[in-house]
Amino acid sequence: MNTLQSALRDYVMLRRALGFKFREQEQSLTQFVSFLNARGARCITTPLALEWAVQPAQAKPARWAQRLSYIRGFARHLQAEYPDTQPPSTQLIPARFMRAKPYLYTEEEIGRLMAAAKELSPGNRLPGLSYYCLFGLLAVTGLRIGEALALRRDDVDLDNGVLTIRGTKFGKSRLVPLHLSTQRMLRRYARQRDAWIGGPRSPYFLVAKEGGRLWGPTVRVAFYDLSRQIGLRGQSDRTGPRLHDFRHRFAVETLLRWYRGGQNIETHLPALSTYLGHCSVQNTYWYLSACPQLMGAAAQRLEKRWEVRS
């Protein structure tokens, strides 16, 4: 194993020890190290980093910027031990990443979506019942879609009303408490699920028609079809409300309740960040500037403070 390969192995181990899955980054950086070895390079240089990052030529600049950012992090890690290393500048290919504007579902829209899901297979049969339960769970817990689909039977404690979320986006497990109404919905689903498939056939809580695991791509296709069916998307629209927007709605509604209830947002945000499984509270702060409703609520609170002081 040469120096660059050994350094990459150590770098990947370090990032994972910090809680990152680091799968795509490891794959890309492994390819980059192979590229450097083929060129006979002993260290990372800006010209070589840029040459590799812009492959393939037909890729979008945002993808090039992403590949270059992986190299930048690795190069900064190497720089302390290998001073000749050149971390590529952020100005070489400026990242044009913009977070998607959250779509905030109304209660009525969520109700129509869940009702349409249940009609996919009438008579309390799967998988319509699973989609009904999934959409409801996403709406009231703010889980990521992957976290909900990965729930196993043992992760759902309906006696104590707690979900155990394992192997999350940043490799950290967390506990998510459930409201009594959500507990009742999940308990009813579990009974109907087992009655229909004749007992456990899968370790997963939410299951497909024959009792196997619900898969993300299949769920998304069903969601897009249902969205068009109830008018959330046009028949030919390629963009529109997403499953991830249930998570956005949960965060925004929680913050709005706190604002309207006179709660101290600064002290509550770390708790919400932990609940949502964010790696940093800065990711939770984003909602305060991304949503007009929250900006309006914040402005109203400031106006009341100014009135008191004047």
Protein backbone atom coordinates (compact mmCIF):
# COMPACT_ATOMS: atom_id res chain seq x y z
CA MET A 1 0.00 0.00 0.00
CA ASN A 2 1.54 3.34 -1.04
CA THR A 3 1.57 6.56 0.99
CA LEU A 4 -1.57 8.09 -0.56
CA GLN A 5 -3.58 4.88 -0.18
CA SER A 6 -2.50 4.54 3.44
CA ALA A 7 -3.33 8.19 4.14
CA LEU A 8 -6.77 7.78 2.55
CA ARG A 9 -7.47 4.73 4.70
CA ASP A 10 -6.63 6.73 7.84
CA TYR A 11 -8.70 9.69 6.65
CA VAL A 12 -11.76 7.53 6.01
CA MET A 13 -11.42 5.92 9.46
CA LEU A 14 -11.20 9.38 11.05
CA ARG A 15 -14.31 10.69 9.29
CA ARG A 16 -16.32 7.63 10.24
CA ALA A 17 -15.15 7.92 13.84
CA LEU A 18 -16.68 11.41 13.77
CA GLY A 19 -20.05 9.90 12.81
CA PHE A 20 -20.08 10.26 9.01
CA LYS A 21 -20.94 7.29 6.79
CA PHE A 22 -18.52 8.61 4.15
CA ARG A 23 -19.41 6.05 1.49
CA GLU A 24 -19.59 8.16 -1.65
CA GLN A 25 -16.60 10.22 -0.54
CA GLU A 26 -14.50 7.10 0.01
CA GLN A 27 -15.42 5.74 -3.41
CA SER A 28 -14.59 9.04 -5.15
CA LEU A 29 -11.33 9.56 -3.28
CA THR A 30 -10.24 5.98 -3.99
CA GLN A 31 -10.69 6.71 -7.69
CA PHE A 32 -8.78 9.97 -7.30
CA VAL A 33 -5.85 8.25 -5.57
CA SER A 34 -5.75 5.68 -8.40
CA PHE A 35 -5.69 8.60 -10.86
CA LEU A 36 -2.74 10.17 -8.99
CA ASN A 37 -0.87 6.86 -8.91
CA ALA A 38 -1.37 6.42 -12.65
CA ARG A 39 0.16 9.87 -13.16
CA GLY A 40 3.08 9.05 -10.88
CA ALA A 41 2.14 11.88 -8.52
CA ARG A 42 3.42 11.72 -4.94
CA CYS A 43 1.11 14.42 -3.59
CA ILE A 44 -2.10 16.30 -4.41
CA THR A 45 -1.69 19.34 -6.64
CA THR A 46 -4.30 21.83 -7.79
CA PRO A 47 -3.90 21.07 -11.54
CA LEU A 48 -4.30 17.31 -10.98
CA ALA A 49 -7.24 17.80 -8.64
CA LEU A 50 -9.01 19.99 -11.18
CA GLU A 51 -8.25 17.63 -14.07
CA TRP A 52 -9.80 14.69 -12.22
CA ALA A 53 -12.76 16.63 -10.79
CA VAL A 54 -14.13 17.73 -14.18
CA GLN A 55 -14.54 14.15 -15.39
CA PRO A 56 -16.78 13.16 -16.99
CA ALA A 57 -17.02 16.25 -19.17
CA GLN A 58 -20.79 15.88 -19.61
CA ALA A 59 -21.41 16.08 -15.86
CA LYS A 60 -22.91 19.23 -14.37
CA PRO A 61 -20.62 21.83 -12.74
CA ALA A 62 -22.32 21.15 -9.40
CA ARG A 63 -21.05 17.56 -9.60
CA TRP A 64 -17.53 18.79 -10.44
CA ALA A 65 -17.64 21.11 -7.42
CA GLN A 66 -18.72 18.23 -5.21
CA ARG A 67 -15.87 16.00 -6.36
CA LEU A 68 -13.43 18.85 -5.80
CA SER A 69 -14.79 19.39 -2.29
CA TYR A 70 -14.00 15.75 -1.43
CA ILE A 71 -10.41 16.31 -2.56
CA ARG A 72 -10.20 19.58 -0.60
CA GLY A 73 -11.09 17.89 2.67
CA PHE A 74 -8.60 15.08 2.06
CA ALA A 75 -5.86 17.52 1.06
CA ARG A 76 -6.33 19.63 4.18
CA HIS A 77 -6.01 16.45 6.23
CA LEU A 78 -2.71 15.63 4.46
CA GLN A 79 -1.27 19.12 4.54
CA ALA A 80 -0.02 18.99 8.14
CA GLU A 81 2.19 15.97 7.41
CA TYR A 82 2.90 16.69 3.73
CA PRO A 83 3.46 20.46 3.26
CA ASP A 84 3.66 20.15 -0.54
CA THR A 85 -0.01 19.17 -0.67
CA GLN A 86 -2.19 21.78 -2.42
CA PRO A 87 -5.85 21.90 -1.27
CA PRO A 88 -7.83 23.15 -4.29
CA SER A 89 -9.38 26.58 -3.83
CA THR A 90 -13.14 26.91 -3.38
CA GLN A 91 -13.05 29.44 -6.23
CA LEU A 92 -11.93 26.93 -8.86
CA ILE A 93 -15.44 25.57 -9.33
CA PRO A 94 -17.80 27.52 -7.06
CA ALA A 95 -20.51 25.29 -5.66
CA ARG A 96 -23.97 26.40 -6.77
CA PHE A 97 -25.82 24.34 -4.22
CA MET A 98 -29.13 25.72 -3.02
CA ARG A 99 -31.40 23.87 -0.63
CA ALA A 100 -34.82 23.19 -2.04
CA LYS A 101 -37.53 25.48 -0.71
CA PRO A 102 -39.69 23.48 1.71
CA TYR A 103 -43.24 22.70 0.70
CA LEU A 104 -45.45 22.98 3.77
CA TYR A 105 -48.34 20.54 3.50
CA THR A 106 -51.69 21.55 4.93
CA GLU A 107 -53.61 19.20 7.21
CA GLU A 108 -56.18 18.82 4.46
CA GLU A 109 -53.54 17.80 1.89
CA ILE A 110 -52.05 15.22 4.23
CA GLY A 111 -55.53 13.82 4.89
CA ARG A 112 -56.26 13.50 1.17
CA LEU A 113 -52.90 11.86 0.50
CA MET A 114 -53.41 9.31 3.27
CA ALA A 115 -56.96 8.56 2.14
CA ALA A 116 -55.78 8.04 -1.45
CA ALA A 117 -53.02 5.72 -0.19
CA LYS A 118 -55.50 3.59 1.69
CA GLU A 119 -57.62 3.22 -1.45
CA LEU A 120 -54.69 1.64 -3.31
CA SER A 121 -55.76 -1.66 -1.73
CA PRO A 122 -59.22 -1.48 -0.13
CA GLY A 123 -60.26 -3.62 2.80
CA ASN A 124 -57.29 -2.91 5.07
CA ARG A 125 -54.93 -4.76 2.75
CA LEU A 126 -51.28 -4.12 1.97
CA PRO A 127 -49.48 -2.17 0.58
CA GLY A 128 -52.00 0.72 0.64
CA LEU A 129 -52.28 0.39 4.39
CA SER A 130 -48.48 0.55 4.69
CA TYR A 131 -48.37 3.77 2.65
CA TYR A 132 -51.18 5.22 4.75
CA CYS A 133 -49.23 4.46 7.92
CA LEU A 134 -45.93 5.67 6.44
CA PHE A 135 -47.26 9.08 5.34
CA GLY A 136 -48.91 9.60 8.71
CA LEU A 137 -45.75 8.63 10.56
CA LEU A 138 -43.61 11.00 8.49
CA ALA A 139 -46.03 13.85 9.13
CA VAL A 140 -46.10 13.54 12.93
CA THR A 141 -42.50 12.52 13.68
CA GLY A 142 -40.33 14.36 11.13
CA LEU A 143 -38.38 11.17 10.34
CA ARG A 144 -36.32 10.92 7.19
CA ILE A 145 -37.94 8.56 4.68
CA GLY A 146 -34.98 6.18 4.93
CA GLU A 147 -35.27 6.10 8.72
CA ALA A 148 -38.98 5.23 8.57
CA LEU A 149 -38.48 2.46 6.03
CA ALA A 150 -35.57 1.01 8.03
CA LEU A 151 -37.64 0.62 11.22
CA ARG A 152 -37.65 -2.96 12.43
CA ARG A 153 -40.30 -4.54 14.60
CA ASP A 154 -38.00 -4.37 17.62
CA ASP A 155 -37.41 -0.65 17.02
CA VAL A 156 -41.10 0.17 17.53
CA ASP A 157 -41.96 0.07 21.25
CA LEU A 158 -45.71 0.58 21.29
CA ASP A 159 -45.99 -0.09 25.03
CA ASN A 160 -43.77 2.85 25.95
CA GLY A 161 -44.41 4.91 22.80
CA VAL A 162 -40.82 5.17 21.59
CA LEU A 163 -39.09 4.59 18.24
CA THR A 164 -35.42 3.63 18.13
CA ILE A 165 -33.80 5.15 15.04
CA ARG A 166 -30.60 3.28 14.21
CA GLY A 167 -27.80 3.90 11.72
CA THR A 168 -29.05 7.36 10.77
CA LYS A 169 -27.58 9.75 8.22
CA PHE A 170 -24.67 10.59 10.52
CA GLY A 171 -24.33 7.16 12.13
CA LYS A 172 -25.93 8.14 15.44
CA SER A 173 -28.91 6.37 16.96
CA ARG A 174 -31.66 8.31 18.73
CA LEU A 175 -35.00 7.80 20.45
CA VAL A 176 -38.18 9.42 19.11
CA PRO A 177 -41.21 9.60 21.45
CA LEU A 178 -44.68 9.00 20.02
CA HIS A 179 -47.97 10.72 20.76
CA LEU A 180 -50.73 8.44 22.05
CA SER A 181 -52.71 8.86 18.82
CA THR A 182 -49.67 7.76 16.81
CA GLN A 183 -49.22 4.75 19.08
CA ARG A 184 -52.83 3.75 18.39
CA MET A 185 -52.35 4.12 14.63
CA LEU A 186 -49.19 1.99 14.63
CA ARG A 187 -50.72 -0.67 16.90
CA ARG A 188 -53.77 -0.92 14.60
CA TYR A 189 -51.50 -1.18 11.57
CA ALA A 190 -49.42 -3.94 13.22
CA ARG A 191 -52.54 -6.00 13.95
CA GLN A 192 -53.91 -5.60 10.42
CA ARG A 193 -50.49 -6.25 8.86
CA ASP A 194 -49.98 -9.53 10.71
CA ALA A 195 -53.56 -10.64 10.12
CA TRP A 196 -53.16 -10.10 6.38
CA ILE A 197 -49.74 -11.69 5.86
CA GLY A 198 -50.24 -14.44 8.43
CA GLY A 199 -47.57 -13.49 10.96
CA PRO A 200 -44.03 -12.12 10.76
CA ARG A 201 -42.29 -12.69 7.43
CA SER A 202 -39.90 -9.78 7.68
CA PRO A 203 -38.02 -8.04 10.51
CA TYR A 204 -39.22 -4.68 9.18
CA PHE A 205 -42.20 -2.86 10.66
CA LEU A 206 -43.59 -1.35 7.44
CA VAL A 207 -43.94 -4.04 4.80
CA ALA A 208 -44.94 -4.51 1.17
CA LYS A 209 -47.69 -6.69 -0.29
CA GLU A 210 -46.13 -10.08 0.44
CA GLY A 211 -44.63 -9.06 3.75
CA GLY A 212 -41.20 -8.03 2.44
CA ARG A 213 -39.48 -4.70 2.98
CA LEU A 214 -40.84 -1.47 1.52
CA TRP A 215 -38.19 -0.03 -0.82
CA GLY A 216 -37.54 3.69 -1.24
CA PRO A 217 -37.76 3.87 -5.07
CA THR A 218 -41.08 1.99 -5.06
CA VAL A 219 -42.48 4.24 -2.33
CA ARG A 220 -41.44 7.38 -4.20
CA VAL A 221 -43.13 6.24 -7.42
CA ALA A 222 -46.33 5.51 -5.48
CA PHE A 223 -46.08 8.90 -3.76
CA TYR A 224 -45.67 10.76 -7.08
CA ASP A 225 -48.67 8.92 -8.56
CA LEU A 226 -50.82 9.71 -5.52
CA SER A 227 -49.67 13.34 -5.56
CA ARG A 228 -50.85 13.70 -9.14
CA GLN A 229 -54.07 11.90 -8.33
CA ILE A 230 -55.06 14.36 -5.59
CA GLY A 231 -53.74 17.47 -7.38
CA LEU A 232 -50.53 18.14 -5.44
CA ARG A 233 -48.67 17.79 -8.74
CA GLY A 234 -49.72 18.37 -12.31
CA GLN A 235 -49.96 15.28 -14.51
CA SER A 236 -46.78 16.20 -16.37
CA ASP A 237 -44.89 17.91 -13.52
CA ARG A 238 -41.42 16.58 -12.85
CA THR A 239 -41.05 18.58 -9.65
CA GLY A 240 -43.31 19.28 -6.72
CA PRO A 241 -43.86 18.33 -3.07
CA ARG A 242 -41.51 15.61 -1.85
CA LEU A 243 -41.60 12.99 0.87
CA HIS A 244 -38.80 14.92 2.60
CA ASP A 245 -41.13 17.91 2.89
CA PHE A 246 -43.04 16.09 5.64
CA ARG A 247 -39.86 16.56 7.69
CA HIS A 248 -39.69 20.24 6.80
CA ARG A 249 -43.31 20.70 7.78
CA PHE A 250 -42.76 19.04 11.13
CA ALA A 251 -39.80 21.31 11.94
CA VAL A 252 -41.59 24.48 10.84
CA GLU A 253 -44.82 23.64 12.69
CA THR A 254 -42.84 22.91 15.86
CA LEU A 255 -40.99 26.22 15.67
CA LEU A 256 -44.21 28.12 14.92
CA ARG A 257 -45.88 26.61 18.00
CA TRP A 258 -42.95 27.72 20.11
CA TYR A 259 -43.03 31.23 18.70
CA ARG A 260 -46.77 31.58 19.16
CA GLY A 261 -46.52 30.13 22.68
CA GLY A 262 -43.89 32.66 23.69
CA GLN A 263 -41.18 30.01 24.12
CA ASN A 264 -37.47 30.85 24.07
CA ILE A 265 -36.43 29.55 20.65
CA GLU A 266 -32.69 29.75 21.36
CA THR A 267 -32.92 27.33 24.28
CA HIS A 268 -35.32 24.95 22.50
CA LEU A 269 -33.49 24.65 19.17
CA PRO A 270 -30.82 22.17 20.41
CA ALA A 271 -33.61 19.85 21.57
CA LEU A 272 -35.32 20.01 18.16
CA SER A 273 -31.97 19.49 16.45
CA THR A 274 -31.38 16.34 18.51
CA TYR A 275 -34.92 15.09 17.88
CA LEU A 276 -34.51 15.51 14.10
CA GLY A 277 -31.08 13.88 14.11
CA HIS A 278 -29.24 16.91 12.71
CA CYS A 279 -25.45 16.75 13.00
CA SER A 280 -25.37 20.44 13.90
CA VAL A 281 -27.85 22.90 15.30
CA GLN A 282 -26.95 25.15 12.33
CA ASN A 283 -29.02 22.81 10.13
CA THR A 284 -32.02 23.50 12.35
CA TYR A 285 -31.37 27.25 12.34
CA TRP A 286 -31.80 27.14 8.55
CA TYR A 287 -35.58 26.88 8.98
CA LEU A 288 -35.70 30.28 10.68
CA SER A 289 -34.58 32.01 7.47
CA ALA A 290 -36.02 29.59 4.88
CA CYS A 291 -39.71 29.84 5.79
CA PRO A 292 -41.74 33.06 5.47
CA GLN A 293 -44.11 31.94 8.25
CA LEU A 294 -41.24 31.73 10.72
CA MET A 295 -39.77 35.03 9.59
CA GLY A 296 -43.18 36.61 10.12
CA ALA A 297 -43.52 35.08 13.58
CA ALA A 298 -40.05 36.31 14.52
CA ALA A 299 -40.87 39.81 13.26
CA GLN A 300 -44.05 39.91 15.34
CA ARG A 301 -42.12 38.94 18.45
CA LEU A 302 -39.55 41.67 17.82
CA GLU A 303 -42.30 44.25 17.31
CA LYS A 304 -43.83 43.33 20.68
CA ARG A 305 -40.43 43.71 22.37
CA TRP A 306 -39.94 47.14 20.81
CA GLU A 307 -43.42 48.19 21.93
CA VAL A 308 -42.59 47.20 25.52
CA ARG A 309 -39.28 49.09 25.48
CA SER A 310 -40.81 52.22 23.98
